[in-house]
Amino acid sequence: MVERGRPRSFDRDAALDSAMEVFWTKGFEAASLSDLTAAMGIGSPSLYAAFGSKEGLFREAVELYGRTEGPQLWDGVEAAPTAREAIEGFLLATAAAFTRPGKPRGCLVTLSAVNLTGASPSVCEAMRKERGQGQRGLEARLRRAMAEGELPAGLDAGAVAAFYLTVQQGMSIQARDGATRDILEKVARGAMAAWEPLTAA
């Protein structure tokens, strides 16, 4: 059977990766269609044909970000032998990831919290859910430590997870403002000084 339709004349994956970097750098609202199409090397008709809309492109860019950037932060949370090492490793990995040369600074998902002006309610809600995954991931690791006897059974795992996720989100904003890896590592170690009082019985 003859395939109908004109084949796309661009690499969709490469174009999506370029769009992700634009959104990561500028945010949803400030990333104009001309910014996106220039970075992707395509025209507006091709963007709409491939991704449906700017919001559709943004949502796919966020999914790509999670697949490509998330593992370096989150894989160690499950693999660490103790919850304390999991949280500390998470924060130190954050300091490294958010200040890498050649990459936009900070976290696309965190920074989207203040860069979604003009987005539809469905996109805003999707981003809230994305940010909520971080809370659930840290809380699950703490609950595992509670079940294994490392942490007290009555610990408010949600509150501890919220504290450390808030630190991590603040590191994203600091990184965007120019904080170095060394400064962010000091922030991480300072936050770990609260571990004992936060997790005491």
N, C-alpha and C. Protein backbone atom coordinates (compact mmCIF):
# COMPACT_ATOMS: atom_id res chain seq x y z
N MET A 1 0.85 -1.19 0.00
CA MET A 1 0.00 0.00 0.00
C MET A 1 0.89 1.24 0.00
N VAL A 2 0.54 2.20 -0.80
CA VAL A 2 1.30 3.44 -0.87
C VAL A 2 0.99 4.29 0.36
N GLU A 3 2.05 4.75 1.03
CA GLU A 3 1.84 5.58 2.22
C GLU A 3 1.37 6.96 1.80
N ARG A 4 0.28 7.41 2.40
CA ARG A 4 -0.28 8.71 2.05
C ARG A 4 0.32 9.80 2.93
N GLY A 5 0.23 10.98 2.44
CA GLY A 5 0.70 12.11 3.22
C GLY A 5 2.16 12.40 2.95
N ARG A 6 2.51 13.63 3.17
CA ARG A 6 3.88 14.07 2.94
C ARG A 6 4.71 13.77 4.18
N PRO A 7 5.82 13.06 4.05
CA PRO A 7 6.62 12.76 5.23
C PRO A 7 7.21 14.03 5.84
N ARG A 8 7.37 14.04 7.16
CA ARG A 8 7.97 15.19 7.81
C ARG A 8 9.41 15.34 7.35
N SER A 9 9.81 16.59 7.14
CA SER A 9 11.15 16.86 6.65
C SER A 9 12.10 17.25 7.78
N PHE A 10 11.74 16.89 9.00
CA PHE A 10 12.62 17.21 10.13
C PHE A 10 12.64 16.06 11.11
N ASP A 11 13.66 16.06 11.94
CA ASP A 11 13.82 15.05 12.98
C ASP A 11 12.97 15.48 14.18
N ARG A 12 11.86 14.81 14.41
CA ARG A 12 10.93 15.22 15.47
C ARG A 12 11.59 15.19 16.84
N ASP A 13 12.38 14.15 17.12
CA ASP A 13 13.02 14.02 18.42
C ASP A 13 14.02 15.15 18.66
N ALA A 14 14.80 15.45 17.64
CA ALA A 14 15.78 16.53 17.77
C ALA A 14 15.08 17.87 17.94
N ALA A 15 13.99 18.06 17.20
CA ALA A 15 13.23 19.30 17.31
C ALA A 15 12.63 19.45 18.71
N LEU A 16 12.12 18.36 19.25
CA LEU A 16 11.54 18.40 20.59
C LEU A 16 12.61 18.71 21.63
N ASP A 17 13.79 18.14 21.47
CA ASP A 17 14.88 18.41 22.39
C ASP A 17 15.25 19.90 22.36
N SER A 18 15.27 20.48 21.18
CA SER A 18 15.57 21.91 21.06
C SER A 18 14.48 22.75 21.71
N ALA A 19 13.23 22.36 21.53
CA ALA A 19 12.12 23.09 22.15
C ALA A 19 12.20 23.00 23.66
N MET A 20 12.57 21.84 24.16
CA MET A 20 12.71 21.67 25.61
C MET A 20 13.70 22.68 26.17
N GLU A 21 14.82 22.88 25.49
CA GLU A 21 15.83 23.82 25.98
C GLU A 21 15.32 25.25 25.94
N VAL A 22 14.50 25.58 24.94
CA VAL A 22 13.92 26.92 24.88
C VAL A 22 12.97 27.14 26.06
N PHE A 23 12.08 26.19 26.29
CA PHE A 23 11.15 26.31 27.42
C PHE A 23 11.91 26.34 28.75
N TRP A 24 12.93 25.53 28.86
CA TRP A 24 13.74 25.45 30.08
C TRP A 24 14.42 26.80 30.35
N THR A 25 14.88 27.44 29.30
CA THR A 25 15.58 28.71 29.45
C THR A 25 14.62 29.87 29.66
N LYS A 26 13.53 29.91 28.89
CA LYS A 26 12.67 31.09 28.87
C LYS A 26 11.36 30.93 29.63
N GLY A 27 10.93 29.70 29.87
CA GLY A 27 9.62 29.49 30.44
C GLY A 27 8.56 29.43 29.36
N PHE A 28 7.36 29.02 29.73
CA PHE A 28 6.29 28.83 28.75
C PHE A 28 5.89 30.13 28.07
N GLU A 29 5.60 31.14 28.86
CA GLU A 29 5.04 32.37 28.30
C GLU A 29 6.07 33.11 27.45
N ALA A 30 7.30 33.23 27.93
CA ALA A 30 8.32 34.02 27.23
C ALA A 30 8.86 33.33 25.99
N ALA A 31 8.66 32.03 25.89
CA ALA A 31 9.11 31.30 24.70
C ALA A 31 8.12 31.56 23.57
N SER A 32 8.50 32.41 22.64
CA SER A 32 7.60 32.74 21.53
C SER A 32 7.64 31.65 20.47
N LEU A 33 6.65 31.67 19.60
CA LEU A 33 6.64 30.71 18.50
C LEU A 33 7.87 30.88 17.61
N SER A 34 8.29 32.13 17.44
CA SER A 34 9.49 32.36 16.61
C SER A 34 10.73 31.82 17.30
N ASP A 35 10.81 31.92 18.63
CA ASP A 35 11.93 31.32 19.38
C ASP A 35 11.94 29.81 19.15
N LEU A 36 10.77 29.22 19.28
CA LEU A 36 10.67 27.77 19.18
C LEU A 36 10.97 27.27 17.78
N THR A 37 10.36 27.89 16.78
CA THR A 37 10.57 27.41 15.42
C THR A 37 12.02 27.63 14.97
N ALA A 38 12.63 28.73 15.42
CA ALA A 38 14.03 28.97 15.07
C ALA A 38 14.93 27.89 15.68
N ALA A 39 14.69 27.57 16.95
CA ALA A 39 15.51 26.55 17.61
C ALA A 39 15.28 25.17 17.02
N MET A 40 14.04 24.90 16.64
CA MET A 40 13.68 23.59 16.11
C MET A 40 14.02 23.42 14.63
N GLY A 41 14.26 24.55 13.96
CA GLY A 41 14.57 24.50 12.54
C GLY A 41 13.39 24.16 11.66
N ILE A 42 12.20 24.58 12.08
CA ILE A 42 10.98 24.29 11.32
C ILE A 42 10.11 25.54 11.26
N GLY A 43 9.09 25.50 10.43
CA GLY A 43 8.13 26.58 10.37
C GLY A 43 6.94 26.31 11.28
N SER A 44 6.13 27.33 11.49
CA SER A 44 4.95 27.19 12.35
C SER A 44 4.01 26.08 11.88
N PRO A 45 3.74 25.94 10.56
CA PRO A 45 2.84 24.87 10.13
C PRO A 45 3.34 23.48 10.54
N SER A 46 4.66 23.27 10.47
CA SER A 46 5.22 21.97 10.86
C SER A 46 5.10 21.75 12.36
N LEU A 47 5.29 22.83 13.13
CA LEU A 47 5.14 22.72 14.59
C LEU A 47 3.73 22.29 14.94
N TYR A 48 2.74 22.97 14.33
CA TYR A 48 1.35 22.63 14.64
C TYR A 48 0.98 21.24 14.14
N ALA A 49 1.51 20.86 12.99
CA ALA A 49 1.21 19.53 12.46
C ALA A 49 1.78 18.44 13.34
N ALA A 50 2.95 18.68 13.89
CA ALA A 50 3.63 17.65 14.68
C ALA A 50 3.18 17.61 16.13
N PHE A 51 2.89 18.79 16.70
CA PHE A 51 2.64 18.86 18.15
C PHE A 51 1.27 19.43 18.52
N GLY A 52 0.54 19.91 17.55
CA GLY A 52 -0.82 20.36 17.81
C GLY A 52 -0.94 21.82 18.22
N SER A 53 -0.10 22.26 19.14
CA SER A 53 -0.15 23.61 19.67
C SER A 53 1.11 23.86 20.48
N LYS A 54 1.28 25.11 20.88
CA LYS A 54 2.40 25.44 21.77
C LYS A 54 2.28 24.67 23.08
N GLU A 55 1.07 24.57 23.60
CA GLU A 55 0.87 23.84 24.85
C GLU A 55 1.17 22.35 24.68
N GLY A 56 0.76 21.79 23.54
CA GLY A 56 1.06 20.39 23.28
C GLY A 56 2.56 20.16 23.20
N LEU A 57 3.26 21.09 22.56
CA LEU A 57 4.72 21.01 22.48
C LEU A 57 5.33 21.11 23.87
N PHE A 58 4.81 22.02 24.67
CA PHE A 58 5.33 22.20 26.03
C PHE A 58 5.16 20.93 26.86
N ARG A 59 3.99 20.33 26.78
CA ARG A 59 3.75 19.12 27.57
C ARG A 59 4.68 18.00 27.15
N GLU A 60 4.92 17.86 25.84
CA GLU A 60 5.86 16.83 25.39
C GLU A 60 7.28 17.17 25.83
N ALA A 61 7.62 18.46 25.84
CA ALA A 61 8.95 18.88 26.28
C ALA A 61 9.15 18.54 27.76
N VAL A 62 8.12 18.74 28.56
CA VAL A 62 8.21 18.41 29.98
C VAL A 62 8.38 16.90 30.18
N GLU A 63 7.65 16.12 29.41
CA GLU A 63 7.80 14.66 29.49
C GLU A 63 9.22 14.23 29.11
N LEU A 64 9.76 14.86 28.07
CA LEU A 64 11.13 14.56 27.66
C LEU A 64 12.11 14.95 28.76
N TYR A 65 11.88 16.09 29.38
CA TYR A 65 12.73 16.54 30.48
C TYR A 65 12.75 15.50 31.60
N GLY A 66 11.59 14.99 31.95
CA GLY A 66 11.51 13.99 33.00
C GLY A 66 12.28 12.72 32.65
N ARG A 67 12.19 12.30 31.38
CA ARG A 67 12.88 11.08 30.97
C ARG A 67 14.39 11.25 30.89
N THR A 68 14.84 12.42 30.48
CA THR A 68 16.27 12.60 30.23
C THR A 68 17.01 13.23 31.40
N GLU A 69 16.35 14.12 32.13
CA GLU A 69 17.03 14.82 33.22
C GLU A 69 16.69 14.25 34.59
N GLY A 70 15.54 13.61 34.71
CA GLY A 70 15.10 13.11 36.01
C GLY A 70 15.95 12.01 36.62
N PRO A 71 16.40 11.03 35.83
CA PRO A 71 17.12 9.89 36.44
C PRO A 71 18.33 10.28 37.25
N GLN A 72 19.08 11.29 36.83
CA GLN A 72 20.29 11.65 37.58
C GLN A 72 19.96 12.19 38.97
N LEU A 73 18.74 12.67 39.14
CA LEU A 73 18.32 13.15 40.46
C LEU A 73 17.63 12.06 41.27
N TRP A 74 16.81 11.25 40.59
CA TRP A 74 15.91 10.37 41.31
C TRP A 74 16.38 8.93 41.45
N ASP A 75 17.25 8.47 40.57
CA ASP A 75 17.69 7.07 40.67
C ASP A 75 18.38 6.79 42.00
N GLY A 76 19.14 7.75 42.48
CA GLY A 76 19.86 7.56 43.73
C GLY A 76 18.96 7.54 44.95
N VAL A 77 17.77 8.11 44.84
CA VAL A 77 16.86 8.13 45.99
C VAL A 77 16.46 6.71 46.37
N GLU A 78 16.15 5.90 45.39
CA GLU A 78 15.79 4.51 45.66
C GLU A 78 17.00 3.65 45.97
N ALA A 79 18.12 3.95 45.33
CA ALA A 79 19.30 3.08 45.46
C ALA A 79 20.07 3.30 46.75
N ALA A 80 19.97 4.46 47.36
CA ALA A 80 20.75 4.76 48.57
C ALA A 80 20.40 3.81 49.69
N PRO A 81 21.39 3.37 50.47
CA PRO A 81 21.13 2.39 51.53
C PRO A 81 20.31 2.94 52.70
N THR A 82 20.35 4.23 52.94
CA THR A 82 19.56 4.82 54.02
C THR A 82 18.78 6.01 53.49
N ALA A 83 17.74 6.38 54.21
CA ALA A 83 16.94 7.53 53.80
C ALA A 83 17.75 8.82 53.87
N ARG A 84 18.60 8.92 54.89
CA ARG A 84 19.42 10.12 55.02
C ARG A 84 20.34 10.26 53.81
N GLU A 85 20.99 9.18 53.43
CA GLU A 85 21.86 9.22 52.26
C GLU A 85 21.06 9.49 50.99
N ALA A 86 19.82 9.00 50.94
CA ALA A 86 18.97 9.26 49.78
C ALA A 86 18.67 10.74 49.63
N ILE A 87 18.30 11.39 50.73
CA ILE A 87 17.96 12.80 50.68
C ILE A 87 19.20 13.65 50.41
N GLU A 88 20.29 13.34 51.10
CA GLU A 88 21.52 14.10 50.89
C GLU A 88 22.01 13.94 49.45
N GLY A 89 21.99 12.71 48.96
CA GLY A 89 22.41 12.47 47.59
C GLY A 89 21.53 13.20 46.59
N PHE A 90 20.24 13.24 46.86
CA PHE A 90 19.28 13.95 46.01
C PHE A 90 19.64 15.44 45.93
N LEU A 91 19.93 16.04 47.07
CA LEU A 91 20.26 17.47 47.09
C LEU A 91 21.60 17.76 46.44
N LEU A 92 22.59 16.91 46.68
CA LEU A 92 23.91 17.12 46.07
C LEU A 92 23.85 16.88 44.56
N ALA A 93 23.07 15.90 44.14
CA ALA A 93 22.88 15.67 42.70
C ALA A 93 22.18 16.87 42.07
N THR A 94 21.26 17.46 42.81
CA THR A 94 20.58 18.68 42.35
C THR A 94 21.59 19.80 42.13
N ALA A 95 22.49 19.99 43.08
CA ALA A 95 23.50 21.05 42.96
C ALA A 95 24.32 20.87 41.69
N ALA A 96 24.66 19.62 41.38
CA ALA A 96 25.45 19.35 40.18
C ALA A 96 24.62 19.54 38.92
N ALA A 97 23.41 19.00 38.92
CA ALA A 97 22.57 19.03 37.71
C ALA A 97 22.14 20.45 37.35
N PHE A 98 21.85 21.26 38.34
CA PHE A 98 21.31 22.59 38.09
C PHE A 98 22.36 23.61 37.68
N THR A 99 23.65 23.21 37.73
CA THR A 99 24.73 24.15 37.37
C THR A 99 25.64 23.58 36.29
N ARG A 100 25.15 22.60 35.52
CA ARG A 100 25.99 21.99 34.49
C ARG A 100 26.32 22.98 33.37
N PRO A 101 27.57 23.03 32.96
CA PRO A 101 27.92 23.87 31.81
C PRO A 101 27.18 23.40 30.57
N GLY A 102 26.73 24.34 29.77
CA GLY A 102 26.08 23.99 28.51
C GLY A 102 24.61 23.65 28.63
N LYS A 103 24.06 23.68 29.85
CA LYS A 103 22.65 23.40 30.06
C LYS A 103 21.99 24.60 30.74
N PRO A 104 20.70 24.81 30.49
CA PRO A 104 20.01 25.87 31.24
C PRO A 104 20.07 25.59 32.74
N ARG A 105 20.13 26.63 33.53
CA ARG A 105 20.24 26.45 34.98
C ARG A 105 18.87 26.25 35.61
N GLY A 106 18.88 25.48 36.69
CA GLY A 106 17.64 25.24 37.41
C GLY A 106 16.84 24.10 36.81
N CYS A 107 15.60 23.98 37.26
CA CYS A 107 14.72 22.87 36.89
C CYS A 107 13.54 23.38 36.06
N LEU A 108 13.34 22.78 34.92
CA LEU A 108 12.22 23.17 34.05
C LEU A 108 10.89 23.05 34.78
N VAL A 109 10.68 21.98 35.53
CA VAL A 109 9.40 21.74 36.19
C VAL A 109 9.17 22.75 37.32
N THR A 110 10.20 23.00 38.12
CA THR A 110 10.07 23.97 39.21
C THR A 110 9.84 25.37 38.67
N LEU A 111 10.65 25.76 37.70
CA LEU A 111 10.56 27.12 37.17
C LEU A 111 9.25 27.35 36.44
N SER A 112 8.62 26.30 35.97
CA SER A 112 7.33 26.45 35.29
C SER A 112 6.26 26.95 36.26
N ALA A 113 6.49 26.78 37.56
CA ALA A 113 5.51 27.24 38.55
C ALA A 113 5.29 28.75 38.45
N VAL A 114 6.32 29.47 38.01
CA VAL A 114 6.19 30.92 37.91
C VAL A 114 6.22 31.40 36.46
N ASN A 115 6.23 30.47 35.52
CA ASN A 115 6.35 30.83 34.11
C ASN A 115 5.21 30.28 33.26
N LEU A 116 4.03 30.10 33.83
CA LEU A 116 2.93 29.53 33.06
C LEU A 116 1.82 30.55 32.79
N THR A 117 2.12 31.82 32.88
CA THR A 117 1.13 32.82 32.55
C THR A 117 0.66 32.61 31.11
N GLY A 118 -0.63 32.56 30.91
CA GLY A 118 -1.16 32.38 29.57
C GLY A 118 -1.45 30.94 29.21
N ALA A 119 -1.00 30.00 30.02
CA ALA A 119 -1.27 28.59 29.73
C ALA A 119 -2.69 28.24 30.17
N SER A 120 -3.23 27.20 29.57
CA SER A 120 -4.59 26.78 29.91
C SER A 120 -4.61 26.15 31.30
N PRO A 121 -5.79 26.11 31.94
CA PRO A 121 -5.89 25.45 33.25
C PRO A 121 -5.43 24.00 33.21
N SER A 122 -5.65 23.30 32.10
CA SER A 122 -5.25 21.90 32.02
C SER A 122 -3.74 21.75 32.05
N VAL A 123 -3.03 22.67 31.40
CA VAL A 123 -1.57 22.61 31.42
C VAL A 123 -1.06 22.97 32.81
N CYS A 124 -1.65 23.98 33.43
CA CYS A 124 -1.24 24.36 34.80
C CYS A 124 -1.44 23.20 35.76
N GLU A 125 -2.57 22.51 35.62
CA GLU A 125 -2.85 21.36 36.49
C GLU A 125 -1.86 20.23 36.22
N ALA A 126 -1.53 20.00 34.96
CA ALA A 126 -0.55 18.96 34.63
C ALA A 126 0.79 19.26 35.26
N MET A 127 1.18 20.53 35.29
CA MET A 127 2.46 20.89 35.89
C MET A 127 2.43 20.77 37.41
N ARG A 128 1.29 21.06 38.00
CA ARG A 128 1.17 20.84 39.45
C ARG A 128 1.35 19.37 39.77
N LYS A 129 0.79 18.51 38.93
CA LYS A 129 0.94 17.06 39.14
C LYS A 129 2.38 16.64 38.97
N GLU A 130 3.07 17.22 37.98
CA GLU A 130 4.48 16.92 37.78
C GLU A 130 5.28 17.27 39.03
N ARG A 131 5.02 18.45 39.58
CA ARG A 131 5.75 18.86 40.79
C ARG A 131 5.37 17.98 41.97
N GLY A 132 4.12 17.53 42.00
CA GLY A 132 3.69 16.66 43.08
C GLY A 132 4.39 15.31 43.08
N GLN A 133 4.87 14.88 41.92
CA GLN A 133 5.58 13.60 41.87
C GLN A 133 6.84 13.63 42.71
N GLY A 134 7.49 14.79 42.77
CA GLY A 134 8.68 14.91 43.60
C GLY A 134 8.36 14.70 45.07
N GLN A 135 7.28 15.30 45.52
CA GLN A 135 6.83 15.12 46.89
C GLN A 135 6.55 13.65 47.18
N ARG A 136 5.83 13.01 46.27
CA ARG A 136 5.48 11.61 46.48
C ARG A 136 6.71 10.71 46.46
N GLY A 137 7.68 11.03 45.62
CA GLY A 137 8.88 10.22 45.54
C GLY A 137 9.68 10.26 46.83
N LEU A 138 9.87 11.46 47.38
CA LEU A 138 10.62 11.57 48.63
C LEU A 138 9.83 10.95 49.79
N GLU A 139 8.53 11.17 49.80
CA GLU A 139 7.71 10.62 50.88
C GLU A 139 7.74 9.09 50.86
N ALA A 140 7.70 8.50 49.68
CA ALA A 140 7.73 7.04 49.56
C ALA A 140 9.05 6.49 50.11
N ARG A 141 10.15 7.19 49.84
CA ARG A 141 11.45 6.71 50.35
C ARG A 141 11.49 6.81 51.87
N LEU A 142 10.92 7.86 52.42
CA LEU A 142 10.88 8.00 53.88
C LEU A 142 9.99 6.92 54.50
N ARG A 143 8.87 6.64 53.87
CA ARG A 143 7.98 5.61 54.40
C ARG A 143 8.64 4.23 54.35
N ARG A 144 9.42 4.00 53.33
CA ARG A 144 10.17 2.74 53.26
C ARG A 144 11.14 2.65 54.44
N ALA A 145 11.80 3.76 54.76
CA ALA A 145 12.72 3.77 55.90
C ALA A 145 11.98 3.56 57.21
N MET A 146 10.76 4.05 57.29
CA MET A 146 9.95 3.82 58.49
C MET A 146 9.60 2.34 58.61
N ALA A 147 9.22 1.74 57.50
CA ALA A 147 8.85 0.32 57.51
C ALA A 147 10.05 -0.56 57.85
N GLU A 148 11.25 -0.11 57.48
CA GLU A 148 12.46 -0.90 57.74
C GLU A 148 13.05 -0.62 59.12
N GLY A 149 12.43 0.29 59.86
CA GLY A 149 12.90 0.58 61.21
C GLY A 149 14.00 1.62 61.29
N GLU A 150 14.36 2.20 60.17
CA GLU A 150 15.41 3.23 60.18
C GLU A 150 14.88 4.53 60.78
N LEU A 151 13.63 4.85 60.49
CA LEU A 151 13.01 6.07 60.99
C LEU A 151 11.83 5.72 61.89
N PRO A 152 11.47 6.60 62.83
CA PRO A 152 10.37 6.32 63.75
C PRO A 152 9.05 6.09 63.04
N ALA A 153 8.26 5.18 63.55
CA ALA A 153 6.99 4.82 62.93
C ALA A 153 6.02 6.00 62.87
N GLY A 154 6.11 6.92 63.82
CA GLY A 154 5.18 8.05 63.87
C GLY A 154 5.64 9.28 63.11
N LEU A 155 6.69 9.15 62.33
CA LEU A 155 7.24 10.30 61.61
C LEU A 155 6.21 10.87 60.63
N ASP A 156 6.15 12.19 60.53
CA ASP A 156 5.31 12.84 59.53
C ASP A 156 6.13 12.90 58.23
N ALA A 157 6.07 11.82 57.48
CA ALA A 157 6.88 11.70 56.27
C ALA A 157 6.55 12.79 55.25
N GLY A 158 5.27 13.16 55.18
CA GLY A 158 4.87 14.19 54.25
C GLY A 158 5.52 15.53 54.55
N ALA A 159 5.60 15.89 55.82
CA ALA A 159 6.19 17.17 56.20
C ALA A 159 7.69 17.18 55.93
N VAL A 160 8.37 16.08 56.24
CA VAL A 160 9.82 16.01 55.99
C VAL A 160 10.09 16.07 54.49
N ALA A 161 9.30 15.33 53.71
CA ALA A 161 9.47 15.35 52.25
C ALA A 161 9.22 16.76 51.71
N ALA A 162 8.21 17.44 52.23
CA ALA A 162 7.90 18.79 51.77
C ALA A 162 9.05 19.75 52.07
N PHE A 163 9.66 19.58 53.24
CA PHE A 163 10.79 20.44 53.61
C PHE A 163 11.93 20.29 52.61
N TYR A 164 12.32 19.05 52.35
CA TYR A 164 13.47 18.85 51.47
C TYR A 164 13.15 19.16 50.01
N LEU A 165 11.91 18.96 49.60
CA LEU A 165 11.54 19.34 48.24
C LEU A 165 11.54 20.86 48.10
N THR A 166 11.11 21.56 49.14
CA THR A 166 11.15 23.02 49.13
C THR A 166 12.58 23.53 49.02
N VAL A 167 13.49 22.88 49.74
CA VAL A 167 14.91 23.24 49.62
C VAL A 167 15.37 23.05 48.17
N GLN A 168 15.02 21.90 47.60
CA GLN A 168 15.45 21.61 46.24
C GLN A 168 14.86 22.61 45.24
N GLN A 169 13.62 22.98 45.43
CA GLN A 169 13.00 23.95 44.53
C GLN A 169 13.65 25.32 44.68
N GLY A 170 14.02 25.67 45.91
CA GLY A 170 14.74 26.93 46.12
C GLY A 170 16.10 26.91 45.46
N MET A 171 16.75 25.75 45.46
CA MET A 171 18.04 25.62 44.78
C MET A 171 17.90 25.88 43.29
N SER A 172 16.76 25.51 42.72
CA SER A 172 16.50 25.76 41.31
C SER A 172 16.49 27.25 41.02
N ILE A 173 15.80 28.00 41.86
CA ILE A 173 15.72 29.45 41.67
C ILE A 173 17.08 30.09 41.90
N GLN A 174 17.81 29.63 42.92
CA GLN A 174 19.15 30.15 43.17
C GLN A 174 20.07 29.88 41.99
N ALA A 175 19.97 28.68 41.42
CA ALA A 175 20.80 28.34 40.27
C ALA A 175 20.49 29.25 39.09
N ARG A 176 19.20 29.52 38.85
CA ARG A 176 18.82 30.40 37.75
C ARG A 176 19.38 31.81 37.98
N ASP A 177 19.50 32.19 39.24
CA ASP A 177 20.04 33.52 39.56
C ASP A 177 21.57 33.54 39.58
N GLY A 178 22.21 32.40 39.28
CA GLY A 178 23.66 32.40 39.15
C GLY A 178 24.44 31.72 40.25
N ALA A 179 23.76 31.09 41.21
CA ALA A 179 24.49 30.40 42.28
C ALA A 179 25.37 29.30 41.70
N THR A 180 26.55 29.15 42.24
CA THR A 180 27.48 28.13 41.78
C THR A 180 27.14 26.77 42.40
N ARG A 181 27.75 25.74 41.87
CA ARG A 181 27.57 24.40 42.44
C ARG A 181 28.03 24.38 43.89
N ASP A 182 29.15 25.03 44.17
CA ASP A 182 29.68 25.05 45.54
C ASP A 182 28.67 25.67 46.50
N ILE A 183 28.06 26.77 46.10
CA ILE A 183 27.07 27.40 46.97
C ILE A 183 25.88 26.48 47.18
N LEU A 184 25.41 25.84 46.12
CA LEU A 184 24.25 24.96 46.25
C LEU A 184 24.58 23.73 47.09
N GLU A 185 25.81 23.25 47.01
CA GLU A 185 26.20 22.12 47.87
C GLU A 185 26.20 22.55 49.34
N LYS A 186 26.59 23.77 49.60
CA LYS A 186 26.54 24.27 50.99
C LYS A 186 25.10 24.39 51.46
N VAL A 187 24.22 24.81 50.57
CA VAL A 187 22.79 24.85 50.91
C VAL A 187 22.30 23.44 51.24
N ALA A 188 22.69 22.47 50.42
CA ALA A 188 22.27 21.08 50.64
C ALA A 188 22.76 20.57 51.99
N ARG A 189 24.02 20.82 52.29
CA ARG A 189 24.56 20.32 53.57
C ARG A 189 23.94 21.06 54.76
N GLY A 190 23.63 22.33 54.55
CA GLY A 190 22.95 23.06 55.62
C GLY A 190 21.57 22.48 55.89
N ALA A 191 20.87 22.11 54.82
CA ALA A 191 19.55 21.51 54.98
C ALA A 191 19.65 20.17 55.69
N MET A 192 20.72 19.43 55.45
CA MET A 192 20.87 18.13 56.11
C MET A 192 21.14 18.27 57.60
N ALA A 193 21.57 19.45 58.04
CA ALA A 193 21.75 19.67 59.48
C ALA A 193 20.42 19.60 60.21
N ALA A 194 19.33 19.75 59.47
CA ALA A 194 17.99 19.66 60.08
C ALA A 194 17.47 18.23 60.12
N TRP A 195 18.22 17.27 59.57
CA TRP A 195 17.72 15.90 59.46
C TRP A 195 17.36 15.30 60.82
N GLU A 196 18.28 15.37 61.78
CA GLU A 196 18.02 14.75 63.08
C GLU A 196 16.80 15.33 63.78
N PRO A 197 16.70 16.66 63.92
CA PRO A 197 15.48 17.19 64.57
C PRO A 197 14.20 16.90 63.79
N LEU A 198 14.29 16.90 62.48
CA LEU A 198 13.09 16.64 61.67
C LEU A 198 12.61 15.20 61.78
N THR A 199 13.55 14.27 61.95
CA THR A 199 13.19 12.85 61.94
C THR A 199 13.23 12.21 63.32
N ALA A 200 13.35 13.05 64.35
CA ALA A 200 13.38 12.50 65.71
C ALA A 200 12.00 11.94 66.07
N ALA A 201 12.02 10.97 66.97
CA ALA A 201 10.77 10.34 67.41
C ALA A 201 9.89 11.35 68.13
